[in-house]
Protein backbone atom coordinates (compact mmCIF):
# COMPACT_ATOMS: atom_id res chain seq x y z
CA MET A 1 115.50 75.63 71.94
CA THR A 2 111.70 75.66 72.20
CA THR A 3 110.14 78.85 73.56
CA PRO A 4 107.27 78.24 76.04
CA PRO A 5 103.88 79.56 74.90
CA THR A 6 103.89 82.39 77.47
CA THR A 7 107.37 83.57 76.49
CA ILE A 8 108.58 85.67 73.57
CA GLU A 9 112.00 86.73 72.32
CA LEU A 10 112.60 90.00 70.52
CA THR A 11 115.94 90.82 68.88
CA GLU A 12 117.05 94.31 67.82
CA ILE A 13 120.30 95.88 66.69
CA ILE A 14 121.16 99.18 68.34
CA PHE A 15 121.55 101.95 65.74
CA PRO A 16 122.81 105.52 66.31
CA GLU A 17 119.23 106.86 66.35
CA ASP A 18 118.54 104.58 69.37
CA ALA A 19 121.50 106.00 71.31
CA ASN A 20 122.13 108.82 73.74
CA HIS A 21 125.02 111.30 73.53
CA TYR A 22 127.38 108.63 74.96
CA GLY A 23 126.76 106.28 72.03
CA THR A 24 124.80 103.77 74.09
CA LEU A 25 121.14 102.75 74.10
CA PHE A 26 119.01 105.64 75.41
CA ALA A 27 117.02 104.55 78.50
CA GLY A 28 113.72 105.71 76.98
CA ASN A 29 114.28 103.52 73.94
CA ALA A 30 115.24 100.59 76.18
CA LEU A 31 111.96 101.00 78.10
CA LYS A 32 110.03 101.14 74.83
CA LEU A 33 111.56 97.86 73.67
CA MET A 34 111.00 96.22 77.06
CA ALA A 35 107.35 97.35 77.07
CA LYS A 36 106.91 95.94 73.57
CA ALA A 37 108.28 92.57 74.68
CA ALA A 38 106.05 92.52 77.79
CA PHE A 39 103.02 93.44 75.68
CA LEU A 40 103.69 90.65 73.18
CA ALA A 41 104.13 88.03 75.93
CA GLY A 42 100.95 89.20 77.66
CA ARG A 43 98.90 89.25 74.47
CA ARG A 44 100.10 85.75 73.61
CA ARG A 45 99.04 84.48 77.05
CA ALA A 46 95.72 86.34 77.19
CA THR A 47 94.85 85.66 73.52
CA CYS A 48 93.41 89.17 73.40
CA ASP A 49 94.76 92.71 73.58
CA VAL A 50 96.46 93.93 76.72
CA VAL A 51 97.48 97.28 78.16
CA ILE A 52 100.34 98.07 80.50
CA ALA A 53 99.04 99.11 83.92
CA GLY A 54 102.41 99.57 85.61
CA VAL A 55 106.14 99.07 85.48
CA ASN A 56 108.05 97.81 88.51
CA GLY A 57 111.74 97.46 89.28
CA VAL A 58 113.39 98.28 85.96
CA LYS A 59 117.16 97.94 86.16
CA PHE A 60 119.72 99.11 83.64
CA LEU A 61 122.58 96.74 84.47
CA ALA A 62 125.09 97.80 81.80
CA PRO A 63 125.26 100.15 78.79
CA VAL A 64 124.43 98.81 75.33
CA PRO A 65 126.72 100.38 72.70
CA VAL A 66 125.64 101.18 69.16
CA GLY A 67 126.19 98.13 66.96
CA HIS A 68 125.39 95.60 69.67
CA VAL A 69 122.50 93.17 69.28
CA LEU A 70 119.91 93.33 72.06
CA THR A 71 117.83 90.25 72.78
CA LEU A 72 114.84 90.64 75.08
CA ARG A 73 113.04 87.69 76.60
CA ALA A 74 109.64 88.33 78.18
CA ALA A 75 107.73 85.71 80.13
CA VAL A 76 104.38 85.86 81.89
CA SER A 77 105.11 84.88 85.49
CA ARG A 78 101.71 85.50 87.12
CA VAL A 79 98.15 85.34 85.82
CA GLY A 80 95.18 86.77 87.70
CA ARG A 81 91.56 87.07 86.63
CA THR A 82 92.21 90.02 84.27
CA SER A 83 95.82 90.92 85.02
CA MET A 84 99.23 89.41 84.44
CA THR A 85 102.83 90.05 85.35
CA ALA A 86 105.49 89.84 82.65
CA GLU A 87 109.18 89.71 83.51
CA VAL A 88 111.60 91.02 80.89
CA GLN A 89 115.33 90.36 80.71
CA GLY A 90 117.71 91.73 78.11
CA TRP A 91 121.14 90.64 76.88
CA ALA A 92 123.51 92.55 74.64
CA GLU A 93 125.90 90.82 72.29
CA ALA A 94 128.87 92.34 70.51
CA ALA A 95 130.19 91.15 67.14
CA ASP A 96 132.62 88.86 69.01
CA ALA A 97 129.58 86.98 70.44
CA VAL A 98 130.31 87.99 74.03
CA ARG A 99 126.89 88.21 75.68
CA GLN A 100 126.05 90.19 78.83
CA GLN A 101 122.81 90.74 80.72
CA VAL A 102 122.00 94.45 80.52
CA LEU A 103 118.31 94.95 81.40
CA GLU A 104 115.57 93.56 83.61
CA GLY A 105 112.11 94.74 84.53
CA VAL A 106 108.66 93.73 85.66
CA PHE A 107 105.52 94.89 83.85
CA GLU A 108 101.91 94.65 85.05
CA LEU A 109 99.40 94.05 82.25
CA VAL A 110 95.62 94.00 82.03
CA ALA A 111 93.74 92.08 79.33
CA VAL A 112 91.08 94.16 77.58
CA ASP A 113 88.13 93.46 75.31
CA ALA A 114 87.24 95.33 72.11
CA ALA A 115 85.67 98.14 74.17
CA GLY A 116 88.80 98.54 76.30
CA ARG A 117 87.26 96.97 79.42
CA PRO A 118 89.11 94.35 81.50
CA ALA A 119 88.75 90.85 80.06
CA SER A 120 89.25 87.45 81.66
CA VAL A 121 92.59 85.67 81.12
CA ASP A 122 92.08 82.68 83.36
CA ARG A 123 91.55 80.26 80.52
CA PRO A 124 94.17 77.53 80.02
CA ILE A 125 96.95 77.90 77.47
CA GLN A 126 96.14 76.16 74.19
CA GLN A 127 98.78 73.59 73.27
CA THR A 128 99.75 73.46 69.61
CA LYS A 129 102.34 71.49 67.68
CA GLU A 130 104.67 74.50 67.96
CA THR A 131 104.38 74.76 71.78
CA GLU A 132 104.55 71.05 72.66
């Protein structure tokens, strides 16, 4: 499967240090991973650094037990002059390969220049051999 140029996939295994007292992924760690995925998708699209300006509609759909593999897919769904929206979905997979959607959220990003000021992102996506 070819990943579009404005989409990234991030895969992590859930270890005990990522878990809460129930032995499932702690919500704060889930948000951290989702934010990382949104950031990477936004930076890829903007071709410069980005910052997260807001988080909208995060849903924890099911617990993710220790030992499960979490795959996050983040895609830029809207591009403005300096801002973007990245949608993140997460699936957990047990050793038996049963896969279940467990997370979803929407992140608002702003592209920034080297001085930390908003930067334009309205340039077209560069096509490369890898993204064709």
